């Protein structure tokens, strides 16, 4: 059993417990449930923004603790001030050290799209995302069937949420595309062993139909890499650990964004 299998098995337990503790009717009473989500495309294609989707992540299964002391409010506001297109917030507790409260706190202080970064395996989690103020959900092709992807994406769109489909190879891409997806994210990280290779994005780019926004995820630590990805045609760039692994993630993204402009 690889780490992805372990995460999914644990997620099934978490979802079952959450359904018992917080009924759907309770989720729908959230102050954010009826808010109109931001449109990811508007922010990704805004020339005044960097196209970066910056992540708030405390730890990962592969790296262990990345940044245990960072403030959600300080970091996410710093990301927004640096011109990001969106902010990704981990809500997985056991493997990534995230929490639903992180997403709620980020929503309270930011006016940019927020991605609920988690392993969605049940429609209940989509309702959670809506209740917690997310604008985007992530559907990981490696852990879902085609029917699940279609069903989950359709439900998300009914609630006005943006849908980011994450793929790792051509097989996942071809099985997963459907009209309810807004963006395709090519994850350069192998979720089975957590190795990274930026070539994955370049190899899959031309297989992604132009109807979808195209995002490269992981293995991005140099502004020059974003320049190359932009030249290829990518619209967005999800950066996870590069900022969070520093003592000051806000200063790190400011330096990165400045370098991006000057390249």
C-alpha atoms as a PDB file:
ATOM      1  CA  UNK A   1       0.000   0.000   0.000  1.00  0.00           C
ATOM      2  CA  UNK A   2       1.503   3.334  -1.072  1.00  0.00           C
ATOM      3  CA  UNK A   3       0.988   6.663   0.673  1.00  0.00           C
ATOM      4  CA  UNK A   4      -1.886   7.644  -1.630  1.00  0.00           C
ATOM      5  CA  UNK A   5      -3.777   4.481  -0.704  1.00  0.00           C
ATOM      6  CA  UNK A   6      -3.225   5.226   2.983  1.00  0.00           C
ATOM      7  CA  UNK A   7      -4.501   8.774   2.575  1.00  0.00           C
ATOM      8  CA  UNK A   8      -7.645   7.638   0.769  1.00  0.00           C
ATOM      9  CA  UNK A   9      -8.397   4.955   3.349  1.00  0.00           C
ATOM     10  CA  UNK A  10      -8.037   7.492   6.143  1.00  0.00           C
ATOM     11  CA  UNK A  11     -10.147   9.995   4.206  1.00  0.00           C
ATOM     12  CA  UNK A  12     -13.033   7.517   4.030  1.00  0.00           C
ATOM     13  CA  UNK A  13     -12.969   7.301   7.824  1.00  0.00           C
ATOM     14  CA  UNK A  14     -12.841  11.090   8.175  1.00  0.00           C
ATOM     15  CA  UNK A  15     -15.776  11.651   5.843  1.00  0.00           C
ATOM     16  CA  UNK A  16     -17.891   9.052   7.591  1.00  0.00           C
ATOM     17  CA  UNK A  17     -17.227  10.726  10.936  1.00  0.00           C
ATOM     18  CA  UNK A  18     -17.876  14.210   9.542  1.00  0.00           C
ATOM     19  CA  UNK A  19     -21.256  13.164   8.182  1.00  0.00           C
ATOM     20  CA  UNK A  20     -22.219  11.987  11.643  1.00  0.00           C
ATOM     21  CA  UNK A  21     -20.981  15.121  13.379  1.00  0.00           C
ATOM     22  CA  UNK A  22     -22.117  17.809  10.918  1.00  0.00           C
ATOM     23  CA  UNK A  23     -25.236  16.999   8.871  1.00  0.00           C
ATOM     24  CA  UNK A  24     -25.627  18.546   5.411  1.00  0.00           C
ATOM     25  CA  UNK A  25     -28.407  20.758   6.753  1.00  0.00           C
ATOM     26  CA  UNK A  26     -25.905  22.252   9.175  1.00  0.00           C
ATOM     27  CA  UNK A  27     -23.341  22.890   6.427  1.00  0.00           C
ATOM     28  CA  UNK A  28     -25.966  24.788   4.462  1.00  0.00           C
ATOM     29  CA  UNK A  29     -26.410  27.190   7.380  1.00  0.00           C
ATOM     30  CA  UNK A  30     -22.800  28.397   7.066  1.00  0.00           C
ATOM     31  CA  UNK A  31     -22.404  32.106   6.417  1.00  0.00           C
ATOM     32  CA  UNK A  32     -20.349  31.284   3.317  1.00  0.00           C
ATOM     33  CA  UNK A  33     -22.647  28.675   1.800  1.00  0.00           C
ATOM     34  CA  UNK A  34     -24.657  31.177  -0.231  1.00  0.00           C
ATOM     35  CA  UNK A  35     -21.782  33.461  -1.248  1.00  0.00           C
ATOM     36  CA  UNK A  36     -21.003  33.658  -4.940  1.00  0.00           C
ATOM     37  CA  UNK A  37     -17.539  32.139  -5.573  1.00  0.00           C
ATOM     38  CA  UNK A  38     -14.873  34.023  -7.456  1.00  0.00           C
ATOM     39  CA  UNK A  39     -14.249  32.908 -11.043  1.00  0.00           C
ATOM     40  CA  UNK A  40     -10.801  31.348 -11.299  1.00  0.00           C
ATOM     41  CA  UNK A  41     -10.426  32.208 -14.991  1.00  0.00           C
ATOM     42  CA  UNK A  42     -10.825  35.931 -14.289  1.00  0.00           C
ATOM     43  CA  UNK A  43      -7.891  35.863 -11.881  1.00  0.00           C
ATOM     44  CA  UNK A  44      -5.632  33.469 -13.814  1.00  0.00           C
ATOM     45  CA  UNK A  45      -5.902  35.491 -17.006  1.00  0.00           C
ATOM     46  CA  UNK A  46      -5.611  38.893 -15.312  1.00  0.00           C
ATOM     47  CA  UNK A  47      -2.390  40.420 -16.725  1.00  0.00           C
ATOM     48  CA  UNK A  48      -1.873  42.312 -13.469  1.00  0.00           C
ATOM     49  CA  UNK A  49      -1.468  39.003 -11.612  1.00  0.00           C
ATOM     50  CA  UNK A  50       1.313  36.432 -11.690  1.00  0.00           C
ATOM     51  CA  UNK A  51      -0.738  33.322 -12.474  1.00  0.00           C
ATOM     52  CA  UNK A  52       0.677  31.730  -9.328  1.00  0.00           C
ATOM     53  CA  UNK A  53      -1.531  29.627  -7.071  1.00  0.00           C
ATOM     54  CA  UNK A  54       0.406  29.835  -3.829  1.00  0.00           C
ATOM     55  CA  UNK A  55      -0.117  27.179  -1.193  1.00  0.00           C
ATOM     56  CA  UNK A  56      -0.421  27.305   2.561  1.00  0.00           C
ATOM     57  CA  UNK A  57       0.938  23.951   3.711  1.00  0.00           C
ATOM     58  CA  UNK A  58       2.396  23.028   7.082  1.00  0.00           C
ATOM     59  CA  UNK A  59       3.790  19.602   6.259  1.00  0.00           C
ATOM     60  CA  UNK A  60       3.684  16.744   3.762  1.00  0.00           C
ATOM     61  CA  UNK A  61       4.131  12.964   3.860  1.00  0.00           C
ATOM     62  CA  UNK A  62       7.346  13.212   1.866  1.00  0.00           C
ATOM     63  CA  UNK A  63       9.018  16.195   3.577  1.00  0.00           C
ATOM     64  CA  UNK A  64       7.570  16.015   7.082  1.00  0.00           C
ATOM     65  CA  UNK A  65       7.211  19.388   8.808  1.00  0.00           C
ATOM     66  CA  UNK A  66       7.602  22.256   6.341  1.00  0.00           C
ATOM     67  CA  UNK A  67       6.484  25.193   8.448  1.00  0.00           C
ATOM     68  CA  UNK A  68       4.675  24.559  11.726  1.00  0.00           C
ATOM     69  CA  UNK A  69       4.532  28.137  12.975  1.00  0.00           C
ATOM     70  CA  UNK A  70       3.270  30.164  10.012  1.00  0.00           C
ATOM     71  CA  UNK A  71       0.135  32.261  10.464  1.00  0.00           C
ATOM     72  CA  UNK A  72      -2.654  31.564   7.968  1.00  0.00           C
ATOM     73  CA  UNK A  73      -3.757  35.190   8.046  1.00  0.00           C
ATOM     74  CA  UNK A  74      -0.274  36.657   7.616  1.00  0.00           C
ATOM     75  CA  UNK A  75       0.873  34.280   4.898  1.00  0.00           C
ATOM     76  CA  UNK A  76      -2.276  34.250   2.786  1.00  0.00           C
ATOM     77  CA  UNK A  77      -2.646  38.021   2.928  1.00  0.00           C
ATOM     78  CA  UNK A  78       0.990  38.278   1.903  1.00  0.00           C
ATOM     79  CA  UNK A  79       0.331  35.957  -1.023  1.00  0.00           C
ATOM     80  CA  UNK A  80      -2.622  38.074  -2.124  1.00  0.00           C
ATOM     81  CA  UNK A  81      -0.601  41.282  -1.863  1.00  0.00           C
ATOM     82  CA  UNK A  82       2.074  39.703  -4.074  1.00  0.00           C
ATOM     83  CA  UNK A  83      -0.437  39.335  -6.902  1.00  0.00           C
ATOM     84  CA  UNK A  84      -1.266  35.637  -6.834  1.00  0.00           C
ATOM     85  CA  UNK A  85      -4.148  34.366  -8.944  1.00  0.00           C
ATOM     86  CA  UNK A  86      -5.405  32.101  -6.160  1.00  0.00           C
ATOM     87  CA  UNK A  87      -4.439  30.565  -2.840  1.00  0.00           C
ATOM     88  CA  UNK A  88      -4.417  26.850  -2.098  1.00  0.00           C
ATOM     89  CA  UNK A  89      -5.169  25.876   1.493  1.00  0.00           C
ATOM     90  CA  UNK A  90      -4.623  22.345   2.783  1.00  0.00           C
ATOM     91  CA  UNK A  91      -7.505  21.015   4.858  1.00  0.00           C
ATOM     92  CA  UNK A  92      -6.174  17.476   5.343  1.00  0.00           C
ATOM     93  CA  UNK A  93      -5.279  17.050   9.015  1.00  0.00           C
ATOM     94  CA  UNK A  94      -3.418  13.754   9.402  1.00  0.00           C
ATOM     95  CA  UNK A  95      -1.008  13.862   6.472  1.00  0.00           C
ATOM     96  CA  UNK A  96      -0.565  17.563   5.714  1.00  0.00           C
ATOM     97  CA  UNK A  97      -1.204  19.257   9.044  1.00  0.00           C
ATOM     98  CA  UNK A  98      -4.044  21.314   7.638  1.00  0.00           C
ATOM     99  CA  UNK A  99      -7.451  22.063   9.101  1.00  0.00           C
ATOM    100  CA  UNK A 100     -10.835  23.392   7.949  1.00  0.00           C
ATOM    101  CA  UNK A 101     -10.229  26.394  10.197  1.00  0.00           C
ATOM    102  CA  UNK A 102      -7.278  27.343   7.987  1.00  0.00           C
ATOM    103  CA  UNK A 103      -9.596  27.717   5.013  1.00  0.00           C
ATOM    104  CA  UNK A 104     -12.153  29.637   7.056  1.00  0.00           C
ATOM    105  CA  UNK A 105      -9.461  31.979   8.355  1.00  0.00           C
ATOM    106  CA  UNK A 106      -8.053  32.547   4.865  1.00  0.00           C
ATOM    107  CA  UNK A 107     -11.528  33.285   3.518  1.00  0.00           C
ATOM    108  CA  UNK A 108     -12.177  35.878   6.202  1.00  0.00           C
ATOM    109  CA  UNK A 109      -9.200  38.035   5.159  1.00  0.00           C
ATOM    110  CA  UNK A 110      -8.807  37.516   1.395  1.00  0.00           C
ATOM    111  CA  UNK A 111     -10.623  38.540  -1.774  1.00  0.00           C
ATOM    112  CA  UNK A 112      -8.987  36.121  -4.192  1.00  0.00           C
ATOM    113  CA  UNK A 113     -10.071  32.582  -5.152  1.00  0.00           C
ATOM    114  CA  UNK A 114      -9.343  29.911  -2.545  1.00  0.00           C
ATOM    115  CA  UNK A 115      -8.737  26.279  -3.413  1.00  0.00           C
ATOM    116  CA  UNK A 116      -9.737  23.660  -0.901  1.00  0.00           C
ATOM    117  CA  UNK A 117      -6.723  21.365  -1.258  1.00  0.00           C
ATOM    118  CA  UNK A 118      -7.729  17.906  -0.111  1.00  0.00           C
ATOM    119  CA  UNK A 119      -8.485  14.404  -1.317  1.00  0.00           C
ATOM    120  CA  UNK A 120     -12.127  14.558  -2.356  1.00  0.00           C
ATOM    121  CA  UNK A 121     -13.788  11.148  -2.503  1.00  0.00           C
ATOM    122  CA  UNK A 122     -17.368  12.031  -1.559  1.00  0.00           C
ATOM    123  CA  UNK A 123     -19.963  14.648  -2.510  1.00  0.00           C
ATOM    124  CA  UNK A 124     -20.162  15.640   1.155  1.00  0.00           C
ATOM    125  CA  UNK A 125     -16.680  17.168   0.904  1.00  0.00           C
ATOM    126  CA  UNK A 126     -17.866  19.430  -1.916  1.00  0.00           C
ATOM    127  CA  UNK A 127     -20.580  20.785   0.364  1.00  0.00           C
ATOM    128  CA  UNK A 128     -17.944  21.275   3.053  1.00  0.00           C
ATOM    129  CA  UNK A 129     -15.811  23.259   0.625  1.00  0.00           C
ATOM    130  CA  UNK A 130     -18.750  25.491  -0.205  1.00  0.00           C
ATOM    131  CA  UNK A 131     -19.571  25.969   3.490  1.00  0.00           C
ATOM    132  CA  UNK A 132     -15.968  26.840   4.337  1.00  0.00           C
ATOM    133  CA  UNK A 133     -15.738  29.570   1.714  1.00  0.00           C
ATOM    134  CA  UNK A 134     -13.779  27.807  -1.011  1.00  0.00           C
ATOM    135  CA  UNK A 135     -14.053  28.926  -4.623  1.00  0.00           C
ATOM    136  CA  UNK A 136     -12.278  25.921  -6.151  1.00  0.00           C
ATOM    137  CA  UNK A 137     -12.264  22.201  -5.464  1.00  0.00           C
ATOM    138  CA  UNK A 138      -9.593  19.736  -6.497  1.00  0.00           C
ATOM    139  CA  UNK A 139     -10.490  16.426  -8.123  1.00  0.00           C
ATOM    140  CA  UNK A 140      -7.548  14.016  -8.289  1.00  0.00           C
ATOM    141  CA  UNK A 141      -7.922  11.649 -11.236  1.00  0.00           C
ATOM    142  CA  UNK A 142      -5.644   9.052  -9.635  1.00  0.00           C
ATOM    143  CA  UNK A 143      -8.169   8.314  -6.882  1.00  0.00           C
ATOM    144  CA  UNK A 144     -11.469   8.719  -8.757  1.00  0.00           C
ATOM    145  CA  UNK A 145     -13.355   6.880 -11.473  1.00  0.00           C
ATOM    146  CA  UNK A 146     -14.583   8.708 -14.562  1.00  0.00           C
ATOM    147  CA  UNK A 147     -18.154   8.536 -13.282  1.00  0.00           C
ATOM    148  CA  UNK A 148     -17.101  10.026  -9.939  1.00  0.00           C
ATOM    149  CA  UNK A 149     -15.250  12.848 -11.644  1.00  0.00           C
ATOM    150  CA  UNK A 150     -18.272  13.713 -13.770  1.00  0.00           C
ATOM    151  CA  UNK A 151     -20.664  13.488 -10.831  1.00  0.00           C
ATOM    152  CA  UNK A 152     -18.469  15.497  -8.455  1.00  0.00           C
ATOM    153  CA  UNK A 153     -17.633  18.158 -11.035  1.00  0.00           C
ATOM    154  CA  UNK A 154     -21.280  18.568 -12.029  1.00  0.00           C
ATOM    155  CA  UNK A 155     -22.331  19.023  -8.407  1.00  0.00           C
ATOM    156  CA  UNK A 156     -19.559  21.553  -7.809  1.00  0.00           C
ATOM    157  CA  UNK A 157     -20.676  23.596 -10.803  1.00  0.00           C
ATOM    158  CA  UNK A 158     -24.254  23.570  -9.504  1.00  0.00           C
ATOM    159  CA  UNK A 159     -22.931  25.376  -6.430  1.00  0.00           C
ATOM    160  CA  UNK A 160     -20.889  27.804  -8.503  1.00  0.00           C
ATOM    161  CA  UNK A 161     -17.543  26.273  -7.569  1.00  0.00           C
ATOM    162  CA  UNK A 162     -14.589  26.104  -9.953  1.00  0.00           C
ATOM    163  CA  UNK A 163     -13.241  22.618 -10.648  1.00  0.00           C
ATOM    164  CA  UNK A 164      -9.534  21.857 -10.959  1.00  0.00           C
ATOM    165  CA  UNK A 165      -8.830  18.377 -12.286  1.00  0.00           C
ATOM    166  CA  UNK A 166      -5.420  17.021 -11.334  1.00  0.00           C
ATOM    167  CA  UNK A 167      -3.695  14.475 -13.570  1.00  0.00           C
ATOM    168  CA  UNK A 168      -0.289  12.840 -13.572  1.00  0.00           C
ATOM    169  CA  UNK A 169      -0.205  11.120 -16.949  1.00  0.00           C
ATOM    170  CA  UNK A 170      -1.988  10.804 -20.298  1.00  0.00           C
ATOM    171  CA  UNK A 171      -4.127   7.875 -19.191  1.00  0.00           C
ATOM    172  CA  UNK A 172      -5.586   9.872 -16.300  1.00  0.00           C
ATOM    173  CA  UNK A 173      -6.162  12.867 -18.561  1.00  0.00           C
ATOM    174  CA  UNK A 174      -7.995  10.924 -21.249  1.00  0.00           C
ATOM    175  CA  UNK A 175     -10.311   9.156 -18.809  1.00  0.00           C
ATOM    176  CA  UNK A 176     -11.210  12.296 -16.879  1.00  0.00           C
ATOM    177  CA  UNK A 177     -12.064  15.190 -19.163  1.00  0.00           C
ATOM    178  CA  UNK A 178     -15.666  16.359 -19.030  1.00  0.00           C
ATOM    179  CA  UNK A 179     -17.587  19.618 -19.650  1.00  0.00           C
ATOM    180  CA  UNK A 180     -17.886  20.444 -15.944  1.00  0.00           C
ATOM    181  CA  UNK A 181     -14.141  20.991 -15.433  1.00  0.00           C
ATOM    182  CA  UNK A 182     -12.642  24.479 -15.551  1.00  0.00           C
ATOM    183  CA  UNK A 183      -8.932  23.733 -15.362  1.00  0.00           C
ATOM    184  CA  UNK A 184      -6.561  20.826 -15.784  1.00  0.00           C
ATOM    185  CA  UNK A 185      -3.611  20.721 -13.439  1.00  0.00           C
ATOM    186  CA  UNK A 186      -0.622  18.620 -14.398  1.00  0.00           C
ATOM    187  CA  UNK A 187       0.973  17.447 -11.169  1.00  0.00           C
ATOM    188  CA  UNK A 188       4.692  17.023 -11.700  1.00  0.00           C
ATOM    189  CA  UNK A 189       4.837  15.054  -8.453  1.00  0.00           C
ATOM    190  CA  UNK A 190       4.339  11.302  -8.520  1.00  0.00           C
ATOM    191  CA  UNK A 191       1.853  10.718  -5.694  1.00  0.00           C
ATOM    192  CA  UNK A 192       3.001   7.120  -5.262  1.00  0.00           C
ATOM    193  CA  UNK A 193       6.619   7.966  -4.395  1.00  0.00           C
ATOM    194  CA  UNK A 194       6.561  11.826  -4.321  1.00  0.00           C
ATOM    195  CA  UNK A 195       9.399  12.296  -6.828  1.00  0.00           C
ATOM    196  CA  UNK A 196       9.016  15.351  -9.089  1.00  0.00           C
ATOM    197  CA  UNK A 197       9.764  16.009 -12.760  1.00  0.00           C
ATOM    198  CA  UNK A 198       8.767  19.269 -14.484  1.00  0.00           C
ATOM    199  CA  UNK A 199       8.893  17.495 -17.848  1.00  0.00           C
ATOM    200  CA  UNK A 200       5.533  15.957 -17.032  1.00  0.00           C
ATOM    201  CA  UNK A 201       3.875  19.318 -17.693  1.00  0.00           C
ATOM    202  CA  UNK A 202       5.612  19.857 -21.002  1.00  0.00           C
ATOM    203  CA  UNK A 203       4.833  16.301 -22.124  1.00  0.00           C
ATOM    204  CA  UNK A 204       1.096  16.579 -21.389  1.00  0.00           C
ATOM    205  CA  UNK A 205       0.461  20.175 -22.446  1.00  0.00           C
ATOM    206  CA  UNK A 206      -0.567  19.505 -26.045  1.00  0.00           C
ATOM    207  CA  UNK A 207      -2.903  16.709 -24.976  1.00  0.00           C
ATOM    208  CA  UNK A 208      -5.036  19.130 -22.935  1.00  0.00           C
ATOM    209  CA  UNK A 209      -7.821  20.679 -25.049  1.00  0.00           C
ATOM    210  CA  UNK A 210      -7.764  24.463 -25.279  1.00  0.00           C
ATOM    211  CA  UNK A 211     -11.233  24.607 -23.720  1.00  0.00           C
ATOM    212  CA  UNK A 212      -9.586  24.135 -20.326  1.00  0.00           C
ATOM    213  CA  UNK A 213      -7.284  26.386 -18.336  1.00  0.00           C
ATOM    214  CA  UNK A 214      -3.893  24.715 -18.018  1.00  0.00           C
ATOM    215  CA  UNK A 215      -1.999  24.664 -14.740  1.00  0.00           C
ATOM    216  CA  UNK A 216       1.383  23.197 -13.856  1.00  0.00           C
ATOM    217  CA  UNK A 217       1.681  21.923 -10.293  1.00  0.00           C
ATOM    218  CA  UNK A 218       4.746  21.241  -8.134  1.00  0.00           C
ATOM    219  CA  UNK A 219       8.476  21.220  -9.000  1.00  0.00           C
ATOM    220  CA  UNK A 220       8.424  24.997  -9.554  1.00  0.00           C
ATOM    221  CA  UNK A 221      11.095  26.848  -7.592  1.00  0.00           C
ATOM    222  CA  UNK A 222      12.623  29.208 -10.170  1.00  0.00           C
ATOM    223  CA  UNK A 223      10.892  32.146 -11.919  1.00  0.00           C
ATOM    224  CA  UNK A 224      12.548  31.013 -15.143  1.00  0.00           C
ATOM    225  CA  UNK A 225      10.520  27.803 -14.996  1.00  0.00           C
ATOM    226  CA  UNK A 226       7.317  29.847 -15.006  1.00  0.00           C
ATOM    227  CA  UNK A 227       8.568  31.848 -17.988  1.00  0.00           C
ATOM    228  CA  UNK A 228       9.137  28.570 -19.872  1.00  0.00           C
ATOM    229  CA  UNK A 229       5.734  27.212 -18.861  1.00  0.00           C
ATOM    230  CA  UNK A 230       4.036  30.452 -19.920  1.00  0.00           C
ATOM    231  CA  UNK A 231       5.790  30.324 -23.272  1.00  0.00           C
ATOM    232  CA  UNK A 232       4.430  26.819 -23.752  1.00  0.00           C
ATOM    233  CA  UNK A 233       0.926  28.065 -22.977  1.00  0.00           C
ATOM    234  CA  UNK A 234       0.256  27.296 -19.322  1.00  0.00           C
ATOM    235  CA  UNK A 235      -2.074  29.729 -17.576  1.00  0.00           C
ATOM    236  CA  UNK A 236      -1.328  28.939 -13.944  1.00  0.00           C
ATOM    237  CA  UNK A 237       1.388  27.617 -11.659  1.00  0.00           C
ATOM    238  CA  UNK A 238       0.662  25.953  -8.340  1.00  0.00           C
ATOM    239  CA  UNK A 239       3.603  26.375  -5.976  1.00  0.00           C
ATOM    240  CA  UNK A 240       3.460  24.372  -2.771  1.00  0.00           C
ATOM    241  CA  UNK A 241       6.587  24.091  -0.650  1.00  0.00           C
ATOM    242  CA  UNK A 242       8.845  26.695  -2.218  1.00  0.00           C
ATOM    243  CA  UNK A 243       7.505  29.599  -0.146  1.00  0.00           C
ATOM    244  CA  UNK A 244       6.354  27.707   2.930  1.00  0.00           C
ATOM    245  CA  UNK A 245       9.716  26.044   3.533  1.00  0.00           C
ATOM    246  CA  UNK A 246      11.305  29.433   4.238  1.00  0.00           C
ATOM    247  CA  UNK A 247      11.268  31.289   7.546  1.00  0.00           C
ATOM    248  CA  UNK A 248       9.243  34.080   5.934  1.00  0.00           C
ATOM    249  CA  UNK A 249       6.896  32.843   3.169  1.00  0.00           C
ATOM    250  CA  UNK A 250       5.645  36.368   2.499  1.00  0.00           C
ATOM    251  CA  UNK A 251       9.145  37.704   1.868  1.00  0.00           C
ATOM    252  CA  UNK A 252       9.858  34.635  -0.263  1.00  0.00           C
ATOM    253  CA  UNK A 253       6.906  35.189  -2.585  1.00  0.00           C
ATOM    254  CA  UNK A 254       7.679  38.901  -2.834  1.00  0.00           C
ATOM    255  CA  UNK A 255      11.226  38.120  -3.933  1.00  0.00           C
ATOM    256  CA  UNK A 256       9.991  35.439  -6.341  1.00  0.00           C
ATOM    257  CA  UNK A 257       7.356  37.722  -7.878  1.00  0.00           C
ATOM    258  CA  UNK A 258       9.872  40.540  -8.302  1.00  0.00           C
ATOM    259  CA  UNK A 259      12.254  38.158 -10.033  1.00  0.00           C
ATOM    260  CA  UNK A 260       9.435  36.944 -12.263  1.00  0.00           C
ATOM    261  CA  UNK A 261       8.733  40.468 -13.455  1.00  0.00           C
ATOM    262  CA  UNK A 262      12.408  41.126 -14.177  1.00  0.00           C
ATOM    263  CA  UNK A 263      13.083  37.884 -16.079  1.00  0.00           C
END
